[in-house]
């Protein structure tokens, strides 16, 4: 299984970014997909999840600002991030869950700073 995350970068507070995660070698359409993040010195935390049935859930800290979506034709999951705050700075990881298996991508850095 390969998960290739992209779209990170440096953005000013209040700005937006869209992360993408392209999956391969996995039956994407029946996998639950998620974005996690890990800030320096902190534990990895769940940001958003979208199930194979398109149900979504979000961390309280990002509700109303972030939107997770998926395109099963492109085997890709997205995270649209708006109204970014400095505390959103972290490495963002894509995760795929299929039955009792869990797979991780390599992470993409998001830095929110003026």
PDB file of N, CA and C in Angstrom:
ATOM      1  N   UNK A   1       0.847  -1.186   0.000  1.00  0.00           N
ATOM      2  CA  UNK A   1       0.000   0.000   0.000  1.00  0.00           C
ATOM      3  C   UNK A   1       0.885   1.241   0.000  1.00  0.00           C
ATOM      4  N   UNK A   2       0.540   2.184  -0.857  1.00  0.00           N
ATOM      5  CA  UNK A   2       1.276   3.434  -0.906  1.00  0.00           C
ATOM      6  C   UNK A   2       0.302   4.592  -0.744  1.00  0.00           C
ATOM      7  N   UNK A   3       0.647   5.519   0.140  1.00  0.00           N
ATOM      8  CA  UNK A   3      -0.142   6.718   0.357  1.00  0.00           C
ATOM      9  C   UNK A   3       0.787   7.909   0.160  1.00  0.00           C
ATOM     10  N   UNK A   4       0.505   8.696  -0.849  1.00  0.00           N
ATOM     11  CA  UNK A   4       1.371   9.817  -1.202  1.00  0.00           C
ATOM     12  C   UNK A   4       0.643  11.122  -0.886  1.00  0.00           C
ATOM     13  N   UNK A   5       1.089  11.789   0.179  1.00  0.00           N
ATOM     14  CA  UNK A   5       0.473  13.053   0.587  1.00  0.00           C
ATOM     15  C   UNK A   5       1.197  14.222  -0.060  1.00  0.00           C
ATOM     16  N   UNK A   6       0.441  15.252  -0.374  1.00  0.00           N
ATOM     17  CA  UNK A   6       1.019  16.455  -0.962  1.00  0.00           C
ATOM     18  C   UNK A   6       0.152  17.658  -0.615  1.00  0.00           C
ATOM     19  N   UNK A   7       0.678  18.846  -0.895  1.00  0.00           N
ATOM     20  CA  UNK A   7      -0.110  20.061  -0.706  1.00  0.00           C
ATOM     21  C   UNK A   7       0.266  20.894   0.490  1.00  0.00           C
ATOM     22  N   UNK A   8       1.189  20.419   1.303  1.00  0.00           N
ATOM     23  CA  UNK A   8       1.605  21.201   2.451  1.00  0.00           C
ATOM     24  C   UNK A   8       2.432  22.401   2.034  1.00  0.00           C
ATOM     25  N   UNK A   9       2.710  23.254   3.018  1.00  0.00           N
ATOM     26  CA  UNK A   9       3.514  24.423   2.730  1.00  0.00           C
ATOM     27  C   UNK A   9       3.405  25.461   3.820  1.00  0.00           C
ATOM     28  N   UNK A  10       3.884  26.644   3.519  1.00  0.00           N
ATOM     29  CA  UNK A  10       3.844  27.768   4.436  1.00  0.00           C
ATOM     30  C   UNK A  10       2.688  28.682   4.053  1.00  0.00           C
ATOM     31  N   UNK A  11       1.863  29.015   5.021  1.00  0.00           N
ATOM     32  CA  UNK A  11       0.707  29.874   4.764  1.00  0.00           C
ATOM     33  C   UNK A  11       0.543  30.834   5.934  1.00  0.00           C
ATOM     34  N   UNK A  12       0.016  31.998   5.647  1.00  0.00           N
ATOM     35  CA  UNK A  12      -0.214  32.986   6.703  1.00  0.00           C
ATOM     36  C   UNK A  12      -1.476  32.642   7.488  1.00  0.00           C
ATOM     37  N   UNK A  13      -1.547  33.082   8.726  1.00  0.00           N
ATOM     38  CA  UNK A  13      -2.781  32.881   9.499  1.00  0.00           C
ATOM     39  C   UNK A  13      -3.990  33.424   8.742  1.00  0.00           C
ATOM     40  N   UNK A  14      -5.062  32.641   8.778  1.00  0.00           N
ATOM     41  CA  UNK A  14      -6.260  32.996   8.040  1.00  0.00           C
ATOM     42  C   UNK A  14      -6.295  32.459   6.627  1.00  0.00           C
ATOM     43  N   UNK A  15      -5.192  31.916   6.167  1.00  0.00           N
ATOM     44  CA  UNK A  15      -5.106  31.390   4.817  1.00  0.00           C
ATOM     45  C   UNK A  15      -5.673  29.991   4.681  1.00  0.00           C
ATOM     46  N   UNK A  16      -5.537  29.445   3.472  1.00  0.00           N
ATOM     47  CA  UNK A  16      -6.082  28.128   3.158  1.00  0.00           C
ATOM     48  C   UNK A  16      -5.046  27.264   2.460  1.00  0.00           C
ATOM     49  N   UNK A  17      -5.218  25.977   2.628  1.00  0.00           N
ATOM     50  CA  UNK A  17      -4.426  24.981   1.913  1.00  0.00           C
ATOM     51  C   UNK A  17      -5.314  23.780   1.653  1.00  0.00           C
ATOM     52  N   UNK A  18      -4.992  23.052   0.602  1.00  0.00           N
ATOM     53  CA  UNK A  18      -5.667  21.783   0.363  1.00  0.00           C
ATOM     54  C   UNK A  18      -4.624  20.675   0.276  1.00  0.00           C
ATOM     55  N   UNK A  19      -4.765  19.708   1.149  1.00  0.00           N
ATOM     56  CA  UNK A  19      -3.907  18.537   1.121  1.00  0.00           C
ATOM     57  C   UNK A  19      -4.565  17.441   0.292  1.00  0.00           C
ATOM     58  N   UNK A  20      -3.729  16.672  -0.369  1.00  0.00           N
ATOM     59  CA  UNK A  20      -4.200  15.528  -1.153  1.00  0.00           C
ATOM     60  C   UNK A  20      -3.416  14.294  -0.730  1.00  0.00           C
ATOM     61  N   UNK A  21      -4.053  13.161  -0.821  1.00  0.00           N
ATOM     62  CA  UNK A  21      -3.392  11.894  -0.535  1.00  0.00           C
ATOM     63  C   UNK A  21      -3.865  10.885  -1.567  1.00  0.00           C
ATOM     64  N   UNK A  22      -2.942  10.486  -2.414  1.00  0.00           N
ATOM     65  CA  UNK A  22      -3.245   9.507  -3.453  1.00  0.00           C
ATOM     66  C   UNK A  22      -2.852   8.123  -2.959  1.00  0.00           C
ATOM     67  N   UNK A  23      -3.775   7.193  -3.068  1.00  0.00           N
ATOM     68  CA  UNK A  23      -3.550   5.831  -2.588  1.00  0.00           C
ATOM     69  C   UNK A  23      -3.393   4.879  -3.750  1.00  0.00           C
ATOM     70  N   UNK A  24      -2.545   3.908  -3.547  1.00  0.00           N
ATOM     71  CA  UNK A  24      -2.380   2.859  -4.545  1.00  0.00           C
ATOM     72  C   UNK A  24      -2.194   1.529  -3.839  1.00  0.00           C
ATOM     73  N   UNK A  25      -2.438   0.469  -4.562  1.00  0.00           N
ATOM     74  CA  UNK A  25      -2.282  -0.897  -4.047  1.00  0.00           C
ATOM     75  C   UNK A  25      -3.198  -1.156  -2.864  1.00  0.00           C
ATOM     76  N   UNK A  26      -4.372  -0.551  -2.896  1.00  0.00           N
ATOM     77  CA  UNK A  26      -5.364  -0.769  -1.857  1.00  0.00           C
ATOM     78  C   UNK A  26      -6.733  -0.623  -2.493  1.00  0.00           C
ATOM     79  N   UNK A  27      -7.694  -1.343  -1.958  1.00  0.00           N
ATOM     80  CA  UNK A  27      -9.050  -1.193  -2.465  1.00  0.00           C
ATOM     81  C   UNK A  27      -9.618   0.067  -1.828  1.00  0.00           C
ATOM     82  N   UNK A  28      -9.385   1.179  -2.500  1.00  0.00           N
ATOM     83  CA  UNK A  28      -9.644   2.486  -1.910  1.00  0.00           C
ATOM     84  C   UNK A  28     -11.106   2.661  -1.532  1.00  0.00           C
ATOM     85  N   UNK A  29     -11.995   2.211  -2.394  1.00  0.00           N
ATOM     86  CA  UNK A  29     -13.415   2.520  -2.201  1.00  0.00           C
ATOM     87  C   UNK A  29     -13.986   1.921  -0.922  1.00  0.00           C
ATOM     88  N   UNK A  30     -13.384   0.867  -0.395  1.00  0.00           N
ATOM     89  CA  UNK A  30     -13.911   0.257   0.831  1.00  0.00           C
ATOM     90  C   UNK A  30     -13.043   0.572   2.038  1.00  0.00           C
ATOM     91  N   UNK A  31     -12.088   1.465   1.860  1.00  0.00           N
ATOM     92  CA  UNK A  31     -11.205   1.859   2.949  1.00  0.00           C
ATOM     93  C   UNK A  31     -11.712   3.128   3.624  1.00  0.00           C
ATOM     94  N   UNK A  32     -11.568   3.168   4.928  1.00  0.00           N
ATOM     95  CA  UNK A  32     -11.799   4.409   5.661  1.00  0.00           C
ATOM     96  C   UNK A  32     -10.518   5.228   5.587  1.00  0.00           C
ATOM     97  N   UNK A  33     -10.644   6.502   5.287  1.00  0.00           N
ATOM     98  CA  UNK A  33      -9.480   7.356   5.125  1.00  0.00           C
ATOM     99  C   UNK A  33      -9.489   8.454   6.177  1.00  0.00           C
ATOM    100  N   UNK A  34      -8.308   8.855   6.588  1.00  0.00           N
ATOM    101  CA  UNK A  34      -8.224   9.864   7.641  1.00  0.00           C
ATOM    102  C   UNK A  34      -6.966  10.708   7.477  1.00  0.00           C
ATOM    103  N   UNK A  35      -7.037  11.871   8.078  1.00  0.00           N
ATOM    104  CA  UNK A  35      -5.870  12.730   8.221  1.00  0.00           C
ATOM    105  C   UNK A  35      -5.567  12.875   9.709  1.00  0.00           C
ATOM    106  N   UNK A  36      -4.302  12.699  10.029  1.00  0.00           N
ATOM    107  CA  UNK A  36      -3.788  12.938  11.371  1.00  0.00           C
ATOM    108  C   UNK A  36      -2.739  14.044  11.276  1.00  0.00           C
ATOM    109  N   UNK A  37      -2.385  14.583  12.416  1.00  0.00           N
ATOM    110  CA  UNK A  37      -1.298  15.548  12.440  1.00  0.00           C
ATOM    111  C   UNK A  37      -0.481  15.384  13.713  1.00  0.00           C
ATOM    112  N   UNK A  38       0.761  15.809  13.607  1.00  0.00           N
ATOM    113  CA  UNK A  38       1.659  15.736  14.766  1.00  0.00           C
ATOM    114  C   UNK A  38       2.505  16.988  14.802  1.00  0.00           C
ATOM    115  N   UNK A  39       2.312  17.757  15.852  1.00  0.00           N
ATOM    116  CA  UNK A  39       3.114  18.948  16.074  1.00  0.00           C
ATOM    117  C   UNK A  39       4.373  18.574  16.853  1.00  0.00           C
ATOM    118  N   UNK A  40       5.408  19.392  16.785  1.00  0.00           N
ATOM    119  CA  UNK A  40       6.640  19.082  17.528  1.00  0.00           C
ATOM    120  C   UNK A  40       6.364  18.905  19.015  1.00  0.00           C
ATOM    121  N   UNK A  41       6.847  17.795  19.563  1.00  0.00           N
ATOM    122  CA  UNK A  41       6.682  17.532  20.977  1.00  0.00           C
ATOM    123  C   UNK A  41       5.307  17.048  21.388  1.00  0.00           C
ATOM    124  N   UNK A  42       4.432  16.840  20.417  1.00  0.00           N
ATOM    125  CA  UNK A  42       3.067  16.431  20.727  1.00  0.00           C
ATOM    126  C   UNK A  42       2.783  15.044  20.148  1.00  0.00           C
ATOM    127  N   UNK A  43       1.721  14.442  20.639  1.00  0.00           N
ATOM    128  CA  UNK A  43       1.312  13.153  20.096  1.00  0.00           C
ATOM    129  C   UNK A  43       0.552  13.350  18.783  1.00  0.00           C
ATOM    130  N   UNK A  44       0.563  12.333  17.973  1.00  0.00           N
ATOM    131  CA  UNK A  44      -0.197  12.367  16.737  1.00  0.00           C
ATOM    132  C   UNK A  44      -1.689  12.352  17.090  1.00  0.00           C
ATOM    133  N   UNK A  45      -2.444  13.207  16.424  1.00  0.00           N
ATOM    134  CA  UNK A  45      -3.868  13.297  16.724  1.00  0.00           C
ATOM    135  C   UNK A  45      -4.698  13.210  15.449  1.00  0.00           C
ATOM    136  N   UNK A  46      -5.900  12.690  15.608  1.00  0.00           N
ATOM    137  CA  UNK A  46      -6.825  12.606  14.486  1.00  0.00           C
ATOM    138  C   UNK A  46      -7.355  13.999  14.153  1.00  0.00           C
ATOM    139  N   UNK A  47      -7.310  14.340  12.884  1.00  0.00           N
ATOM    140  CA  UNK A  47      -7.865  15.612  12.416  1.00  0.00           C
ATOM    141  C   UNK A  47      -9.254  15.399  11.819  1.00  0.00           C
ATOM    142  N   UNK A  48      -9.349  14.448  10.903  1.00  0.00           N
ATOM    143  CA  UNK A  48     -10.626  14.201  10.229  1.00  0.00           C
ATOM    144  C   UNK A  48     -10.615  12.801   9.642  1.00  0.00           C
ATOM    145  N   UNK A  49     -11.796  12.210   9.555  1.00  0.00           N
ATOM    146  CA  UNK A  49     -11.936  10.868   8.991  1.00  0.00           C
ATOM    147  C   UNK A  49     -13.150  10.849   8.071  1.00  0.00           C
ATOM    148  N   UNK A  50     -13.031  10.090   7.001  1.00  0.00           N
ATOM    149  CA  UNK A  50     -14.159   9.855   6.115  1.00  0.00           C
ATOM    150  C   UNK A  50     -14.231   8.354   5.849  1.00  0.00           C
ATOM    151  N   UNK A  51     -15.391   7.786   6.094  1.00  0.00           N
ATOM    152  CA  UNK A  51     -15.537   6.347   5.938  1.00  0.00           C
ATOM    153  C   UNK A  51     -15.788   5.980   4.477  1.00  0.00           C
ATOM    154  N   UNK A  52     -15.814   4.679   4.229  1.00  0.00           N
ATOM    155  CA  UNK A  52     -16.117   4.222   2.877  1.00  0.00           C
ATOM    156  C   UNK A  52     -17.524   4.622   2.464  1.00  0.00           C
ATOM    157  N   UNK A  53     -18.388   4.844   3.450  1.00  0.00           N
ATOM    158  CA  UNK A  53     -19.747   5.294   3.183  1.00  0.00           C
ATOM    159  C   UNK A  53     -19.897   6.806   3.196  1.00  0.00           C
ATOM    160  N   UNK A  54     -18.792   7.513   3.245  1.00  0.00           N
ATOM    161  CA  UNK A  54     -18.746   8.980   3.157  1.00  0.00           C
ATOM    162  C   UNK A  54     -19.210   9.677   4.430  1.00  0.00           C
ATOM    163  N   UNK A  55     -19.297   8.952   5.534  1.00  0.00           N
ATOM    164  CA  UNK A  55     -19.537   9.621   6.811  1.00  0.00           C
ATOM    165  C   UNK A  55     -18.251  10.298   7.260  1.00  0.00           C
ATOM    166  N   UNK A  56     -18.378  11.446   7.892  1.00  0.00           N
ATOM    167  CA  UNK A  56     -17.196  12.200   8.307  1.00  0.00           C
ATOM    168  C   UNK A  56     -17.254  12.543   9.785  1.00  0.00           C
ATOM    169  N   UNK A  57     -16.081  12.669  10.379  1.00  0.00           N
ATOM    170  CA  UNK A  57     -15.998  13.233  11.715  1.00  0.00           C
ATOM    171  C   UNK A  57     -14.700  14.032  11.822  1.00  0.00           C
ATOM    172  N   UNK A  58     -14.722  15.023  12.722  1.00  0.00           N
ATOM    173  CA  UNK A  58     -13.632  15.980  12.836  1.00  0.00           C
ATOM    174  C   UNK A  58     -13.219  16.178  14.289  1.00  0.00           C
ATOM    175  N   UNK A  59     -11.970  16.535  14.477  1.00  0.00           N
ATOM    176  CA  UNK A  59     -11.529  16.994  15.780  1.00  0.00           C
ATOM    177  C   UNK A  59     -12.240  18.308  16.086  1.00  0.00           C
ATOM    178  N   UNK A  60     -12.553  18.521  17.344  1.00  0.00           N
ATOM    179  CA  UNK A  60     -13.258  19.754  17.725  1.00  0.00           C
ATOM    180  C   UNK A  60     -12.481  20.992  17.291  1.00  0.00           C
ATOM    181  N   UNK A  61     -11.178  20.907  17.311  1.00  0.00           N
ATOM    182  CA  UNK A  61     -10.335  22.071  17.028  1.00  0.00           C
ATOM    183  C   UNK A  61     -10.394  22.519  15.565  1.00  0.00           C
ATOM    184  N   UNK A  62     -10.897  21.652  14.681  1.00  0.00           N
ATOM    185  CA  UNK A  62     -10.922  22.003  13.259  1.00  0.00           C
ATOM    186  C   UNK A  62     -12.337  22.066  12.692  1.00  0.00           C
ATOM    187  N   UNK A  63     -13.324  21.743  13.483  1.00  0.00           N
ATOM    188  CA  UNK A  63     -14.710  21.768  12.993  1.00  0.00           C
ATOM    189  C   UNK A  63     -15.072  23.155  12.479  1.00  0.00           C
ATOM    190  N   UNK A  64     -15.695  23.170  11.310  1.00  0.00           N
ATOM    191  CA  UNK A  64     -16.088  24.431  10.702  1.00  0.00           C
ATOM    192  C   UNK A  64     -14.991  25.088   9.894  1.00  0.00           C
ATOM    193  N   UNK A  65     -13.772  24.587  10.000  1.00  0.00           N
ATOM    194  CA  UNK A  65     -12.648  25.168   9.242  1.00  0.00           C
ATOM    195  C   UNK A  65     -12.081  24.185   8.219  1.00  0.00           C
ATOM    196  N   UNK A  66     -12.089  22.911   8.540  1.00  0.00           N
ATOM    197  CA  UNK A  66     -11.513  21.882   7.665  1.00  0.00           C
ATOM    198  C   UNK A  66     -12.633  21.021   7.087  1.00  0.00           C
ATOM    199  N   UNK A  67     -12.408  20.550   5.873  1.00  0.00           N
ATOM    200  CA  UNK A  67     -13.356  19.642   5.230  1.00  0.00           C
ATOM    201  C   UNK A  67     -12.597  18.494   4.599  1.00  0.00           C
ATOM    202  N   UNK A  68     -12.976  17.280   4.949  1.00  0.00           N
ATOM    203  CA  UNK A  68     -12.385  16.097   4.335  1.00  0.00           C
ATOM    204  C   UNK A  68     -13.329  15.587   3.253  1.00  0.00           C
ATOM    205  N   UNK A  69     -12.757  15.126   2.166  1.00  0.00           N
ATOM    206  CA  UNK A  69     -13.554  14.579   1.069  1.00  0.00           C
ATOM    207  C   UNK A  69     -12.744  13.498   0.382  1.00  0.00           C
ATOM    208  N   UNK A  70     -13.405  12.738  -0.459  1.00  0.00           N
ATOM    209  CA  UNK A  70     -12.722  11.676  -1.175  1.00  0.00           C
ATOM    210  C   UNK A  70     -13.274  11.559  -2.584  1.00  0.00           C
ATOM    211  N   UNK A  71     -12.410  11.118  -3.475  1.00  0.00           N
ATOM    212  CA  UNK A  71     -12.788  10.842  -4.864  1.00  0.00           C
ATOM    213  C   UNK A  71     -12.369   9.414  -5.151  1.00  0.00           C
ATOM    214  N   UNK A  72     -13.323   8.512  -5.148  1.00  0.00           N
ATOM    215  CA  UNK A  72     -12.993   7.098  -5.333  1.00  0.00           C
ATOM    216  C   UNK A  72     -12.519   6.793  -6.752  1.00  0.00           C
ATOM    217  N   UNK A  73     -12.900   7.613  -7.700  1.00  0.00           N
ATOM    218  CA  UNK A  73     -12.418   7.406  -9.071  1.00  0.00           C
ATOM    219  C   UNK A  73     -10.930   7.709  -9.186  1.00  0.00           C
ATOM    220  N   UNK A  74     -10.450   8.613  -8.349  1.00  0.00           N
ATOM    221  CA  UNK A  74      -9.038   9.006  -8.377  1.00  0.00           C
ATOM    222  C   UNK A  74      -8.238   8.396  -7.228  1.00  0.00           C
ATOM    223  N   UNK A  75      -8.904   7.583  -6.393  1.00  0.00           N
ATOM    224  CA  UNK A  75      -8.222   6.978  -5.236  1.00  0.00           C
ATOM    225  C   UNK A  75      -7.523   8.043  -4.398  1.00  0.00           C
ATOM    226  N   UNK A  76      -8.200   9.134  -4.173  1.00  0.00           N
ATOM    227  CA  UNK A  76      -7.591  10.270  -3.496  1.00  0.00           C
ATOM    228  C   UNK A  76      -8.512  10.821  -2.411  1.00  0.00           C
ATOM    229  N   UNK A  77      -7.912  11.169  -1.300  1.00  0.00           N
ATOM    230  CA  UNK A  77      -8.624  11.837  -0.216  1.00  0.00           C
ATOM    231  C   UNK A  77      -8.029  13.241  -0.070  1.00  0.00           C
ATOM    232  N   UNK A  78      -8.886  14.184   0.261  1.00  0.00           N
ATOM    233  CA  UNK A  78      -8.477  15.579   0.363  1.00  0.00           C
ATOM    234  C   UNK A  78      -8.768  16.128   1.761  1.00  0.00           C
ATOM    235  N   UNK A  79      -8.020  17.135   2.128  1.00  0.00           N
ATOM    236  CA  UNK A  79      -8.325  17.895   3.326  1.00  0.00           C
ATOM    237  C   UNK A  79      -8.242  19.370   2.961  1.00  0.00           C
ATOM    238  N   UNK A  80      -9.391  20.006   2.866  1.00  0.00           N
ATOM    239  CA  UNK A  80      -9.442  21.442   2.613  1.00  0.00           C
ATOM    240  C   UNK A  80      -9.374  22.158   3.951  1.00  0.00           C
ATOM    241  N   UNK A  81      -8.352  22.982   4.100  1.00  0.00           N
ATOM    242  CA  UNK A  81      -8.125  23.672   5.369  1.00  0.00           C
ATOM    243  C   UNK A  81      -8.276  25.173   5.147  1.00  0.00           C
ATOM    244  N   UNK A  82      -9.142  25.783   5.923  1.00  0.00           N
ATOM    245  CA  UNK A  82      -9.380  27.217   5.811  1.00  0.00           C
ATOM    246  C   UNK A  82      -9.223  27.863   7.182  1.00  0.00           C
ATOM    247  N   UNK A  83      -9.132  29.186   7.179  1.00  0.00           N
ATOM    248  CA  UNK A  83      -8.972  29.937   8.431  1.00  0.00           C
ATOM    249  C   UNK A  83      -7.874  29.335   9.292  1.00  0.00           C
ATOM    250  N   UNK A  84      -6.764  29.077   8.670  1.00  0.00           N
ATOM    251  CA  UNK A  84      -5.672  28.391   9.372  1.00  0.00           C
ATOM    252  C   UNK A  84      -5.108  29.250  10.489  1.00  0.00           C
ATOM    253  N   UNK A  85      -4.707  28.554  11.537  1.00  0.00           N
ATOM    254  CA  UNK A  85      -4.157  29.189  12.731  1.00  0.00           C
ATOM    255  C   UNK A  85      -2.741  28.682  12.973  1.00  0.00           C
ATOM    256  N   UNK A  86      -1.928  29.441  13.677  1.00  0.00           N
ATOM    257  CA  UNK A  86      -0.573  28.945  13.978  1.00  0.00           C
ATOM    258  C   UNK A  86      -0.585  27.585  14.669  1.00  0.00           C
ATOM    259  N   UNK A  87      -1.596  27.322  15.468  1.00  0.00           N
ATOM    260  CA  UNK A  87      -1.660  26.029  16.167  1.00  0.00           C
ATOM    261  C   UNK A  87      -2.005  24.865  15.250  1.00  0.00           C
ATOM    262  N   UNK A  88      -2.302  25.150  13.982  1.00  0.00           N
ATOM    263  CA  UNK A  88      -2.497  24.079  13.002  1.00  0.00           C
ATOM    264  C   UNK A  88      -1.161  23.602  12.428  1.00  0.00           C
ATOM    265  N   UNK A  89      -0.090  24.274  12.777  1.00  0.00           N
ATOM    266  CA  UNK A  89       1.233  23.880  12.295  1.00  0.00           C
ATOM    267  C   UNK A  89       1.578  22.481  12.779  1.00  0.00           C
ATOM    268  N   UNK A  90       1.908  21.611  11.833  1.00  0.00           N
ATOM    269  CA  UNK A  90       2.201  20.214  12.150  1.00  0.00           C
ATOM    270  C   UNK A  90       2.581  19.485  10.869  1.00  0.00           C
ATOM    271  N   UNK A  91       3.041  18.271  11.042  1.00  0.00           N
ATOM    272  CA  UNK A  91       3.153  17.356   9.912  1.00  0.00           C
ATOM    273  C   UNK A  91       1.820  16.611   9.810  1.00  0.00           C
ATOM    274  N   UNK A  92       1.236  16.632   8.636  1.00  0.00           N
ATOM    275  CA  UNK A  92      -0.054  15.998   8.408  1.00  0.00           C
ATOM    276  C   UNK A  92       0.161  14.666   7.698  1.00  0.00           C
ATOM    277  N   UNK A  93      -0.467  13.630   8.255  1.00  0.00           N
ATOM    278  CA  UNK A  93      -0.313  12.278   7.739  1.00  0.00           C
ATOM    279  C   UNK A  93      -1.651  11.747   7.235  1.00  0.00           C
ATOM    280  N   UNK A  94      -1.571  11.050   6.135  1.00  0.00           N
ATOM    281  CA  UNK A  94      -2.726  10.364   5.588  1.00  0.00           C
ATOM    282  C   UNK A  94      -2.744   8.935   6.138  1.00  0.00           C
ATOM    283  N   UNK A  95      -3.925   8.443   6.446  1.00  0.00           N
ATOM    284  CA  UNK A  95      -4.080   7.086   6.974  1.00  0.00           C
ATOM    285  C   UNK A  95      -5.198   6.373   6.237  1.00  0.00           C
ATOM    286  N   UNK A  96      -4.968   5.102   5.968  1.00  0.00           N
ATOM    287  CA  UNK A  96      -6.002   4.263   5.361  1.00  0.00           C
ATOM    288  C   UNK A  96      -6.281   3.093   6.284  1.00  0.00           C
ATOM    289  N   UNK A  97      -7.549   2.851   6.547  1.00  0.00           N
ATOM    290  CA  UNK A  97      -7.959   1.735   7.388  1.00  0.00           C
ATOM    291  C   UNK A  97      -8.812   0.773   6.600  1.00  0.00           C
ATOM    292  N   UNK A  98      -8.425  -0.498   6.623  1.00  0.00           N
ATOM    293  CA  UNK A  98      -9.155  -1.525   5.895  1.00  0.00           C
ATOM    294  C   UNK A  98      -9.197  -2.768   6.772  1.00  0.00           C
ATOM    295  N   UNK A  99     -10.399  -3.103   7.198  1.00  0.00           N
ATOM    296  CA  UNK A  99     -10.595  -4.195   8.168  1.00  0.00           C
ATOM    297  C   UNK A  99      -9.708  -3.918   9.381  1.00  0.00           C
ATOM    298  N   UNK A 100      -8.782  -4.809   9.734  1.00  0.00           N
ATOM    299  CA  UNK A 100      -7.949  -4.591  10.913  1.00  0.00           C
ATOM    300  C   UNK A 100      -6.570  -4.046  10.544  1.00  0.00           C
ATOM    301  N   UNK A 101      -6.435  -3.571   9.311  1.00  0.00           N
ATOM    302  CA  UNK A 101      -5.142  -3.049   8.864  1.00  0.00           C
ATOM    303  C   UNK A 101      -5.165  -1.523   8.820  1.00  0.00           C
ATOM    304  N   UNK A 102      -4.001  -0.941   9.076  1.00  0.00           N
ATOM    305  CA  UNK A 102      -3.857   0.513   9.065  1.00  0.00           C
ATOM    306  C   UNK A 102      -2.563   0.867   8.343  1.00  0.00           C
ATOM    307  N   UNK A 103      -2.657   1.803   7.413  1.00  0.00           N
ATOM    308  CA  UNK A 103      -1.513   2.182   6.609  1.00  0.00           C
ATOM    309  C   UNK A 103      -1.292   3.695   6.704  1.00  0.00           C
ATOM    310  N   UNK A 104      -0.003   4.086   6.650  1.00  0.00           N
ATOM    311  CA  UNK A 104       0.347   5.500   6.793  1.00  0.00           C
ATOM    312  C   UNK A 104       1.133   6.004   5.597  1.00  0.00           C
ATOM    313  N   UNK A 105       0.907   7.260   5.282  1.00  0.00           N
ATOM    314  CA  UNK A 105       1.718   7.942   4.297  1.00  0.00           C
ATOM    315  C   UNK A 105       2.907   8.602   4.970  1.00  0.00           C
ATOM    316  N   UNK A 106       3.684   9.329   4.178  1.00  0.00           N
ATOM    317  CA  UNK A 106       4.952   9.866   4.667  1.00  0.00           C
ATOM    318  C   UNK A 106       4.814  11.212   5.358  1.00  0.00           C
ATOM    319  N   UNK A 107       3.673  11.864   5.261  1.00  0.00           N
ATOM    320  CA  UNK A 107       3.484  13.140   5.924  1.00  0.00           C
ATOM    321  C   UNK A 107       3.847  14.326   5.048  1.00  0.00           C
ATOM    322  N   UNK A 108       3.146  15.427   5.278  1.00  0.00           N
ATOM    323  CA  UNK A 108       3.439  16.666   4.588  1.00  0.00           C
ATOM    324  C   UNK A 108       3.380  17.808   5.608  1.00  0.00           C
ATOM    325  N   UNK A 109       4.357  18.678   5.568  1.00  0.00           N
ATOM    326  CA  UNK A 109       4.484  19.743   6.558  1.00  0.00           C
ATOM    327  C   UNK A 109       3.557  20.904   6.228  1.00  0.00           C
ATOM    328  N   UNK A 110       2.809  21.331   7.231  1.00  0.00           N
ATOM    329  CA  UNK A 110       1.990  22.541   7.135  1.00  0.00           C
ATOM    330  C   UNK A 110       2.488  23.510   8.198  1.00  0.00           C
ATOM    331  N   UNK A 111       2.863  24.698   7.768  1.00  0.00           N
ATOM    332  CA  UNK A 111       3.339  25.726   8.683  1.00  0.00           C
ATOM    333  C   UNK A 111       2.490  26.971   8.512  1.00  0.00           C
ATOM    334  N   UNK A 112       1.891  27.403   9.607  1.00  0.00           N
ATOM    335  CA  UNK A 112       1.046  28.596   9.588  1.00  0.00           C
ATOM    336  C   UNK A 112       1.778  29.675  10.377  1.00  0.00           C
ATOM    337  N   UNK A 113       2.232  30.675   9.659  1.00  0.00           N
ATOM    338  CA  UNK A 113       3.049  31.702  10.294  1.00  0.00           C
ATOM    339  C   UNK A 113       3.031  32.966   9.453  1.00  0.00           C
ATOM    340  N   UNK A 114       3.126  34.093  10.131  1.00  0.00           N
ATOM    341  CA  UNK A 114       3.216  35.365   9.426  1.00  0.00           C
ATOM    342  C   UNK A 114       4.680  35.770   9.247  1.00  0.00           C
TER     343      UNK A 114
END
